[in-house]
């Protein structure tokens, strides 16, 4: 048995109060790490409710704080709070993302900008903001997507952003190698989260028929790959995109 023990380590997972982000945070917690997650404070108050439930669930081992990944000032305050509470930062998982699906013919500038700003530009901004806080020898894991590799109908904005994340990962891995910070991406296929459940039934059936394993993924199967990338087992892995998609290649 080769255990993964992250005791004494601290991880930040952006957008970590639901879906893949929360599954990743829970996985790293079980491995012994302290975790901190941010969330976007929507006007409906749904995120605040989820954040309160998450904070109660994790107790002293977790930090849950409102901060917009698109805002350098809010993310700087967030990282200040993380290091103030836990004393260090070892892992950054850039997970926060949104969908605004529409065909190119009908896609608006606002829908394009919203997705690219959150899913790509924020990965750059958050990573850059985190660098002074991140320990040498740490890890950055960026959430890409199968959509950024094969391109789904109606996802020009999302696929373009996720393809950009893959390219950004390659560049950043080179630039941070001197600090022994490994930078990798994970490209999930369709996973049964709230985002995955929003896909229309007919589209999901079409997707399922193309997956050799004949099923969709579950959040823990993605989180376990991120756990590996945060562990010493991945010490010679950097600049890579790990495709976790049940064998689906378009």
C-alpha atoms as a PDB file:
ATOM      1  CA  UNK A   1       0.000   0.000   0.000  1.00  0.00           C
ATOM      2  CA  UNK A   2       1.280   3.474  -0.920  1.00  0.00           C
ATOM      3  CA  UNK A   3      -0.646   6.049   1.114  1.00  0.00           C
ATOM      4  CA  UNK A   4      -0.965   9.689   0.077  1.00  0.00           C
ATOM      5  CA  UNK A   5      -0.489  11.824   3.164  1.00  0.00           C
ATOM      6  CA  UNK A   6      -0.883  15.583   2.733  1.00  0.00           C
ATOM      7  CA  UNK A   7      -0.742  16.401   6.439  1.00  0.00           C
ATOM      8  CA  UNK A   8       0.632  19.889   7.022  1.00  0.00           C
ATOM      9  CA  UNK A   9      -0.152  20.974   3.465  1.00  0.00           C
ATOM     10  CA  UNK A  10      -2.631  23.674   2.441  1.00  0.00           C
ATOM     11  CA  UNK A  11      -4.724  23.678  -0.730  1.00  0.00           C
ATOM     12  CA  UNK A  12      -6.826  26.351  -2.414  1.00  0.00           C
ATOM     13  CA  UNK A  13      -9.608  25.207  -4.722  1.00  0.00           C
ATOM     14  CA  UNK A  14     -11.403  27.982  -6.572  1.00  0.00           C
ATOM     15  CA  UNK A  15     -15.151  27.589  -6.877  1.00  0.00           C
ATOM     16  CA  UNK A  16     -14.985  24.840  -4.307  1.00  0.00           C
ATOM     17  CA  UNK A  17     -18.444  24.858  -2.702  1.00  0.00           C
ATOM     18  CA  UNK A  18     -20.064  22.563  -5.267  1.00  0.00           C
ATOM     19  CA  UNK A  19     -19.406  20.029  -8.016  1.00  0.00           C
ATOM     20  CA  UNK A  20     -15.869  18.999  -8.866  1.00  0.00           C
ATOM     21  CA  UNK A  21     -14.409  21.720  -6.668  1.00  0.00           C
ATOM     22  CA  UNK A  22     -16.110  20.476  -3.524  1.00  0.00           C
ATOM     23  CA  UNK A  23     -15.303  16.850  -4.346  1.00  0.00           C
ATOM     24  CA  UNK A  24     -11.646  17.810  -4.765  1.00  0.00           C
ATOM     25  CA  UNK A  25     -11.583  19.742  -1.506  1.00  0.00           C
ATOM     26  CA  UNK A  26     -13.159  16.804   0.330  1.00  0.00           C
ATOM     27  CA  UNK A  27     -10.627  14.406  -1.190  1.00  0.00           C
ATOM     28  CA  UNK A  28      -7.663  16.557  -0.152  1.00  0.00           C
ATOM     29  CA  UNK A  29      -9.160  16.944   3.316  1.00  0.00           C
ATOM     30  CA  UNK A  30      -9.350  13.163   3.677  1.00  0.00           C
ATOM     31  CA  UNK A  31      -5.675  13.012   2.718  1.00  0.00           C
ATOM     32  CA  UNK A  32      -4.855  15.324   5.640  1.00  0.00           C
ATOM     33  CA  UNK A  33      -4.568  18.740   3.992  1.00  0.00           C
ATOM     34  CA  UNK A  34      -6.209  21.938   5.136  1.00  0.00           C
ATOM     35  CA  UNK A  35      -8.343  23.418   2.379  1.00  0.00           C
ATOM     36  CA  UNK A  36      -9.583  26.855   1.449  1.00  0.00           C
ATOM     37  CA  UNK A  37     -12.233  27.595  -1.153  1.00  0.00           C
ATOM     38  CA  UNK A  38     -13.660  30.773  -2.562  1.00  0.00           C
ATOM     39  CA  UNK A  39     -17.046  31.327  -4.106  1.00  0.00           C
ATOM     40  CA  UNK A  40     -18.858  33.992  -6.090  1.00  0.00           C
ATOM     41  CA  UNK A  41     -21.388  35.757  -3.864  1.00  0.00           C
ATOM     42  CA  UNK A  42     -24.487  35.798  -6.068  1.00  0.00           C
ATOM     43  CA  UNK A  43     -27.386  38.112  -5.347  1.00  0.00           C
ATOM     44  CA  UNK A  44     -29.822  35.211  -4.874  1.00  0.00           C
ATOM     45  CA  UNK A  45     -27.966  34.058  -1.787  1.00  0.00           C
ATOM     46  CA  UNK A  46     -27.677  30.435  -2.955  1.00  0.00           C
ATOM     47  CA  UNK A  47     -23.874  30.511  -2.799  1.00  0.00           C
ATOM     48  CA  UNK A  48     -23.909  32.002   0.706  1.00  0.00           C
ATOM     49  CA  UNK A  49     -26.118  29.168   1.907  1.00  0.00           C
ATOM     50  CA  UNK A  50     -23.858  26.542   0.344  1.00  0.00           C
ATOM     51  CA  UNK A  51     -20.804  28.292   1.751  1.00  0.00           C
ATOM     52  CA  UNK A  52     -22.243  28.257   5.272  1.00  0.00           C
ATOM     53  CA  UNK A  53     -23.069  24.556   5.000  1.00  0.00           C
ATOM     54  CA  UNK A  54     -19.587  23.788   3.674  1.00  0.00           C
ATOM     55  CA  UNK A  55     -17.851  25.778   6.411  1.00  0.00           C
ATOM     56  CA  UNK A  56     -19.884  23.954   9.059  1.00  0.00           C
ATOM     57  CA  UNK A  57     -19.059  20.601   7.489  1.00  0.00           C
ATOM     58  CA  UNK A  58     -15.285  21.205   7.369  1.00  0.00           C
ATOM     59  CA  UNK A  59     -14.764  23.014  10.658  1.00  0.00           C
ATOM     60  CA  UNK A  60     -11.284  24.298  11.502  1.00  0.00           C
ATOM     61  CA  UNK A  61      -9.662  22.306   8.680  1.00  0.00           C
ATOM     62  CA  UNK A  62     -11.342  24.488   6.054  1.00  0.00           C
ATOM     63  CA  UNK A  63     -11.751  28.118   5.094  1.00  0.00           C
ATOM     64  CA  UNK A  64     -14.687  29.288   2.967  1.00  0.00           C
ATOM     65  CA  UNK A  65     -14.678  32.877   1.732  1.00  0.00           C
ATOM     66  CA  UNK A  66     -16.436  35.003  -0.878  1.00  0.00           C
ATOM     67  CA  UNK A  67     -13.993  36.197  -3.534  1.00  0.00           C
ATOM     68  CA  UNK A  68     -14.389  36.733  -7.275  1.00  0.00           C
ATOM     69  CA  UNK A  69     -11.722  34.934  -9.331  1.00  0.00           C
ATOM     70  CA  UNK A  70     -11.882  37.792 -11.852  1.00  0.00           C
ATOM     71  CA  UNK A  71     -10.769  40.319  -9.224  1.00  0.00           C
ATOM     72  CA  UNK A  72      -7.087  40.555  -8.313  1.00  0.00           C
ATOM     73  CA  UNK A  73      -7.832  42.557  -5.182  1.00  0.00           C
ATOM     74  CA  UNK A  74     -10.420  40.071  -3.881  1.00  0.00           C
ATOM     75  CA  UNK A  75      -8.150  37.097  -4.616  1.00  0.00           C
ATOM     76  CA  UNK A  76      -5.189  38.817  -2.937  1.00  0.00           C
ATOM     77  CA  UNK A  77      -7.330  39.298   0.176  1.00  0.00           C
ATOM     78  CA  UNK A  78      -8.380  35.660  -0.070  1.00  0.00           C
ATOM     79  CA  UNK A  79      -4.792  34.385  -0.255  1.00  0.00           C
ATOM     80  CA  UNK A  80      -3.860  36.691   2.626  1.00  0.00           C
ATOM     81  CA  UNK A  81      -6.631  35.056   4.679  1.00  0.00           C
ATOM     82  CA  UNK A  82      -5.500  31.556   3.697  1.00  0.00           C
ATOM     83  CA  UNK A  83      -1.902  32.109   4.727  1.00  0.00           C
ATOM     84  CA  UNK A  84      -3.017  34.045   7.795  1.00  0.00           C
ATOM     85  CA  UNK A  85      -5.100  31.109   9.010  1.00  0.00           C
ATOM     86  CA  UNK A  86      -2.980  28.168   7.868  1.00  0.00           C
ATOM     87  CA  UNK A  87       0.495  29.698   7.542  1.00  0.00           C
ATOM     88  CA  UNK A  88       1.294  28.523   4.015  1.00  0.00           C
ATOM     89  CA  UNK A  89      -0.011  27.582   0.562  1.00  0.00           C
ATOM     90  CA  UNK A  90       1.098  24.396  -1.212  1.00  0.00           C
ATOM     91  CA  UNK A  91      -1.536  23.609  -3.843  1.00  0.00           C
ATOM     92  CA  UNK A  92      -3.686  25.733  -6.140  1.00  0.00           C
ATOM     93  CA  UNK A  93      -6.529  24.103  -8.065  1.00  0.00           C
ATOM     94  CA  UNK A  94      -8.045  26.463 -10.627  1.00  0.00           C
ATOM     95  CA  UNK A  95     -11.522  24.974 -10.817  1.00  0.00           C
ATOM     96  CA  UNK A  96     -14.007  27.869 -11.013  1.00  0.00           C
ATOM     97  CA  UNK A  97     -15.945  27.885 -14.291  1.00  0.00           C
ATOM     98  CA  UNK A  98     -19.269  28.833 -15.850  1.00  0.00           C
ATOM     99  CA  UNK A  99     -21.286  27.836 -18.921  1.00  0.00           C
ATOM    100  CA  UNK A 100     -23.113  30.082 -21.367  1.00  0.00           C
ATOM    101  CA  UNK A 101     -23.836  27.664 -24.213  1.00  0.00           C
ATOM    102  CA  UNK A 102     -25.100  28.988 -27.539  1.00  0.00           C
ATOM    103  CA  UNK A 103     -24.237  28.462 -31.213  1.00  0.00           C
ATOM    104  CA  UNK A 104     -21.749  30.897 -32.726  1.00  0.00           C
ATOM    105  CA  UNK A 105     -24.532  32.377 -34.848  1.00  0.00           C
ATOM    106  CA  UNK A 106     -26.443  33.418 -31.732  1.00  0.00           C
ATOM    107  CA  UNK A 107     -23.630  33.877 -29.177  1.00  0.00           C
ATOM    108  CA  UNK A 108     -23.541  37.380 -27.697  1.00  0.00           C
ATOM    109  CA  UNK A 109     -20.462  39.381 -26.790  1.00  0.00           C
ATOM    110  CA  UNK A 110     -21.499  39.256 -23.130  1.00  0.00           C
ATOM    111  CA  UNK A 111     -21.809  35.447 -23.208  1.00  0.00           C
ATOM    112  CA  UNK A 112     -18.416  35.104 -24.863  1.00  0.00           C
ATOM    113  CA  UNK A 113     -16.741  37.547 -22.480  1.00  0.00           C
ATOM    114  CA  UNK A 114     -18.304  36.072 -19.337  1.00  0.00           C
ATOM    115  CA  UNK A 115     -17.047  32.562 -20.092  1.00  0.00           C
ATOM    116  CA  UNK A 116     -13.589  33.579 -21.301  1.00  0.00           C
ATOM    117  CA  UNK A 117     -13.118  35.973 -18.372  1.00  0.00           C
ATOM    118  CA  UNK A 118     -14.065  33.350 -15.779  1.00  0.00           C
ATOM    119  CA  UNK A 119     -12.722  30.174 -17.375  1.00  0.00           C
ATOM    120  CA  UNK A 120      -9.459  31.441 -18.888  1.00  0.00           C
ATOM    121  CA  UNK A 121      -8.465  34.976 -17.921  1.00  0.00           C
ATOM    122  CA  UNK A 122      -9.187  34.250 -14.256  1.00  0.00           C
ATOM    123  CA  UNK A 123      -6.895  31.190 -14.367  1.00  0.00           C
ATOM    124  CA  UNK A 124      -4.086  33.544 -15.385  1.00  0.00           C
ATOM    125  CA  UNK A 125      -5.013  36.190 -12.817  1.00  0.00           C
ATOM    126  CA  UNK A 126      -5.455  33.758  -9.922  1.00  0.00           C
ATOM    127  CA  UNK A 127      -2.241  31.871 -10.732  1.00  0.00           C
ATOM    128  CA  UNK A 128      -0.242  35.079 -10.989  1.00  0.00           C
ATOM    129  CA  UNK A 129      -1.754  36.411  -7.761  1.00  0.00           C
ATOM    130  CA  UNK A 130      -0.975  33.144  -5.965  1.00  0.00           C
ATOM    131  CA  UNK A 131       2.699  32.969  -6.936  1.00  0.00           C
ATOM    132  CA  UNK A 132       4.107  35.052  -4.048  1.00  0.00           C
ATOM    133  CA  UNK A 133       2.122  32.907  -1.598  1.00  0.00           C
ATOM    134  CA  UNK A 134       2.835  29.483  -3.136  1.00  0.00           C
ATOM    135  CA  UNK A 135       5.586  27.370  -1.592  1.00  0.00           C
ATOM    136  CA  UNK A 136       8.494  26.284  -3.774  1.00  0.00           C
ATOM    137  CA  UNK A 137       7.893  22.646  -4.656  1.00  0.00           C
ATOM    138  CA  UNK A 138       4.134  23.253  -4.724  1.00  0.00           C
ATOM    139  CA  UNK A 139       1.555  22.312  -7.314  1.00  0.00           C
ATOM    140  CA  UNK A 140      -0.869  24.082  -9.624  1.00  0.00           C
ATOM    141  CA  UNK A 141      -3.669  22.053 -11.209  1.00  0.00           C
ATOM    142  CA  UNK A 142      -5.844  23.718 -13.838  1.00  0.00           C
ATOM    143  CA  UNK A 143      -9.248  22.324 -14.735  1.00  0.00           C
ATOM    144  CA  UNK A 144      -9.542  21.921 -18.499  1.00  0.00           C
ATOM    145  CA  UNK A 145     -12.248  19.906 -20.295  1.00  0.00           C
ATOM    146  CA  UNK A 146     -12.839  17.405 -23.049  1.00  0.00           C
ATOM    147  CA  UNK A 147     -14.690  20.254 -24.758  1.00  0.00           C
ATOM    148  CA  UNK A 148     -11.391  22.096 -25.151  1.00  0.00           C
ATOM    149  CA  UNK A 149      -9.979  19.094 -27.023  1.00  0.00           C
ATOM    150  CA  UNK A 150     -12.782  17.955 -29.326  1.00  0.00           C
ATOM    151  CA  UNK A 151     -15.131  20.970 -29.266  1.00  0.00           C
ATOM    152  CA  UNK A 152     -18.847  20.528 -28.572  1.00  0.00           C
ATOM    153  CA  UNK A 153     -21.609  22.155 -30.599  1.00  0.00           C
ATOM    154  CA  UNK A 154     -22.744  25.353 -28.924  1.00  0.00           C
ATOM    155  CA  UNK A 155     -19.609  25.709 -26.778  1.00  0.00           C
ATOM    156  CA  UNK A 156     -17.349  28.001 -28.798  1.00  0.00           C
ATOM    157  CA  UNK A 157     -16.738  30.183 -25.748  1.00  0.00           C
ATOM    158  CA  UNK A 158     -16.257  27.327 -23.285  1.00  0.00           C
ATOM    159  CA  UNK A 159     -14.147  25.154 -25.617  1.00  0.00           C
ATOM    160  CA  UNK A 160     -11.923  28.096 -26.566  1.00  0.00           C
ATOM    161  CA  UNK A 161     -11.356  28.970 -22.920  1.00  0.00           C
ATOM    162  CA  UNK A 162     -10.541  25.394 -21.933  1.00  0.00           C
ATOM    163  CA  UNK A 163      -8.174  24.956 -24.889  1.00  0.00           C
ATOM    164  CA  UNK A 164      -6.482  28.125 -23.688  1.00  0.00           C
ATOM    165  CA  UNK A 165      -6.144  26.622 -20.210  1.00  0.00           C
ATOM    166  CA  UNK A 166      -4.255  23.671 -21.704  1.00  0.00           C
ATOM    167  CA  UNK A 167      -1.858  25.998 -23.524  1.00  0.00           C
ATOM    168  CA  UNK A 168      -1.426  28.208 -20.455  1.00  0.00           C
ATOM    169  CA  UNK A 169      -0.590  25.118 -18.384  1.00  0.00           C
ATOM    170  CA  UNK A 170       2.254  24.187 -20.735  1.00  0.00           C
ATOM    171  CA  UNK A 171       3.768  27.663 -20.603  1.00  0.00           C
ATOM    172  CA  UNK A 172       3.432  28.098 -16.835  1.00  0.00           C
ATOM    173  CA  UNK A 173       5.022  24.700 -16.201  1.00  0.00           C
ATOM    174  CA  UNK A 174       8.153  25.889 -17.980  1.00  0.00           C
ATOM    175  CA  UNK A 175       8.230  29.219 -16.189  1.00  0.00           C
ATOM    176  CA  UNK A 176       7.824  27.705 -12.698  1.00  0.00           C
ATOM    177  CA  UNK A 177      10.156  24.726 -13.124  1.00  0.00           C
ATOM    178  CA  UNK A 178      12.992  26.645 -11.468  1.00  0.00           C
ATOM    179  CA  UNK A 179      10.870  26.815  -8.296  1.00  0.00           C
ATOM    180  CA  UNK A 180      10.009  23.095  -8.572  1.00  0.00           C
ATOM    181  CA  UNK A 181       6.334  23.986  -8.901  1.00  0.00           C
ATOM    182  CA  UNK A 182       4.651  21.411 -11.109  1.00  0.00           C
ATOM    183  CA  UNK A 183       1.798  22.713 -13.257  1.00  0.00           C
ATOM    184  CA  UNK A 184      -0.656  20.315 -14.864  1.00  0.00           C
ATOM    185  CA  UNK A 185      -4.198  20.261 -16.195  1.00  0.00           C
ATOM    186  CA  UNK A 186      -7.011  17.755 -15.833  1.00  0.00           C
ATOM    187  CA  UNK A 187      -9.501  17.450 -18.695  1.00  0.00           C
ATOM    188  CA  UNK A 188     -12.632  15.653 -17.489  1.00  0.00           C
ATOM    189  CA  UNK A 189     -15.204  14.149 -19.779  1.00  0.00           C
ATOM    190  CA  UNK A 190     -18.862  14.436 -18.816  1.00  0.00           C
ATOM    191  CA  UNK A 191     -19.154  14.158 -15.041  1.00  0.00           C
ATOM    192  CA  UNK A 192     -22.359  13.850 -13.046  1.00  0.00           C
ATOM    193  CA  UNK A 193     -22.273  17.215 -11.302  1.00  0.00           C
ATOM    194  CA  UNK A 194     -24.888  19.974 -11.415  1.00  0.00           C
ATOM    195  CA  UNK A 195     -23.213  21.262 -14.576  1.00  0.00           C
ATOM    196  CA  UNK A 196     -23.282  17.799 -16.147  1.00  0.00           C
ATOM    197  CA  UNK A 197     -26.897  17.309 -15.170  1.00  0.00           C
ATOM    198  CA  UNK A 198     -27.834  20.501 -17.026  1.00  0.00           C
ATOM    199  CA  UNK A 199     -27.042  18.842 -20.381  1.00  0.00           C
ATOM    200  CA  UNK A 200     -30.287  17.967 -22.201  1.00  0.00           C
ATOM    201  CA  UNK A 201     -31.241  14.292 -22.039  1.00  0.00           C
ATOM    202  CA  UNK A 202     -30.967  13.717 -25.799  1.00  0.00           C
ATOM    203  CA  UNK A 203     -27.469  15.205 -25.852  1.00  0.00           C
ATOM    204  CA  UNK A 204     -26.411  13.089 -22.886  1.00  0.00           C
ATOM    205  CA  UNK A 205     -27.582   9.917 -24.610  1.00  0.00           C
ATOM    206  CA  UNK A 206     -25.589  10.843 -27.701  1.00  0.00           C
ATOM    207  CA  UNK A 207     -22.504  11.471 -25.562  1.00  0.00           C
ATOM    208  CA  UNK A 208     -22.897   8.228 -23.636  1.00  0.00           C
ATOM    209  CA  UNK A 209     -22.906   6.211 -26.851  1.00  0.00           C
ATOM    210  CA  UNK A 210     -19.409   7.557 -27.641  1.00  0.00           C
ATOM    211  CA  UNK A 211     -17.782   6.645 -24.308  1.00  0.00           C
ATOM    212  CA  UNK A 212     -16.027   3.243 -24.385  1.00  0.00           C
ATOM    213  CA  UNK A 213     -16.610   2.696 -20.657  1.00  0.00           C
ATOM    214  CA  UNK A 214     -20.348   3.257 -21.297  1.00  0.00           C
ATOM    215  CA  UNK A 215     -20.896   5.570 -18.355  1.00  0.00           C
ATOM    216  CA  UNK A 216     -20.286   9.116 -17.216  1.00  0.00           C
ATOM    217  CA  UNK A 217     -17.698   9.923 -14.575  1.00  0.00           C
ATOM    218  CA  UNK A 218     -18.359  10.777 -10.972  1.00  0.00           C
ATOM    219  CA  UNK A 219     -16.718  13.678  -9.130  1.00  0.00           C
ATOM    220  CA  UNK A 220     -14.471  11.510  -6.955  1.00  0.00           C
ATOM    221  CA  UNK A 221     -12.901   9.978 -10.055  1.00  0.00           C
ATOM    222  CA  UNK A 222     -11.728  13.437 -11.103  1.00  0.00           C
ATOM    223  CA  UNK A 223     -10.767  14.442  -7.569  1.00  0.00           C
ATOM    224  CA  UNK A 224      -8.573  11.361  -7.188  1.00  0.00           C
ATOM    225  CA  UNK A 225      -6.504  12.396 -10.219  1.00  0.00           C
ATOM    226  CA  UNK A 226      -6.058  15.858  -8.714  1.00  0.00           C
ATOM    227  CA  UNK A 227      -5.010  14.205  -5.451  1.00  0.00           C
ATOM    228  CA  UNK A 228      -2.346  12.289  -7.386  1.00  0.00           C
ATOM    229  CA  UNK A 229      -1.093  15.497  -9.015  1.00  0.00           C
ATOM    230  CA  UNK A 230      -0.796  17.138  -5.591  1.00  0.00           C
ATOM    231  CA  UNK A 231       1.130  14.203  -4.165  1.00  0.00           C
ATOM    232  CA  UNK A 232       4.809  13.261  -4.325  1.00  0.00           C
ATOM    233  CA  UNK A 233       3.829  10.421  -6.672  1.00  0.00           C
ATOM    234  CA  UNK A 234       3.600  13.011  -9.477  1.00  0.00           C
ATOM    235  CA  UNK A 235       6.966  14.670  -8.800  1.00  0.00           C
ATOM    236  CA  UNK A 236       8.174  14.199 -12.403  1.00  0.00           C
ATOM    237  CA  UNK A 237       4.871  15.136 -14.050  1.00  0.00           C
ATOM    238  CA  UNK A 238       4.547  18.726 -15.254  1.00  0.00           C
ATOM    239  CA  UNK A 239       3.146  20.539 -18.267  1.00  0.00           C
ATOM    240  CA  UNK A 240       0.742  17.677 -18.920  1.00  0.00           C
ATOM    241  CA  UNK A 241      -2.994  17.399 -19.462  1.00  0.00           C
ATOM    242  CA  UNK A 242      -4.484  14.242 -17.941  1.00  0.00           C
ATOM    243  CA  UNK A 243      -7.603  13.202 -19.825  1.00  0.00           C
ATOM    244  CA  UNK A 244     -10.139  11.569 -17.516  1.00  0.00           C
ATOM    245  CA  UNK A 245     -12.977  10.806 -19.881  1.00  0.00           C
ATOM    246  CA  UNK A 246     -13.729   7.084 -19.974  1.00  0.00           C
ATOM    247  CA  UNK A 247     -11.863   6.722 -23.266  1.00  0.00           C
ATOM    248  CA  UNK A 248     -13.901   9.253 -25.239  1.00  0.00           C
ATOM    249  CA  UNK A 249     -11.884  10.867 -28.023  1.00  0.00           C
ATOM    250  CA  UNK A 250     -14.610  12.254 -30.247  1.00  0.00           C
END
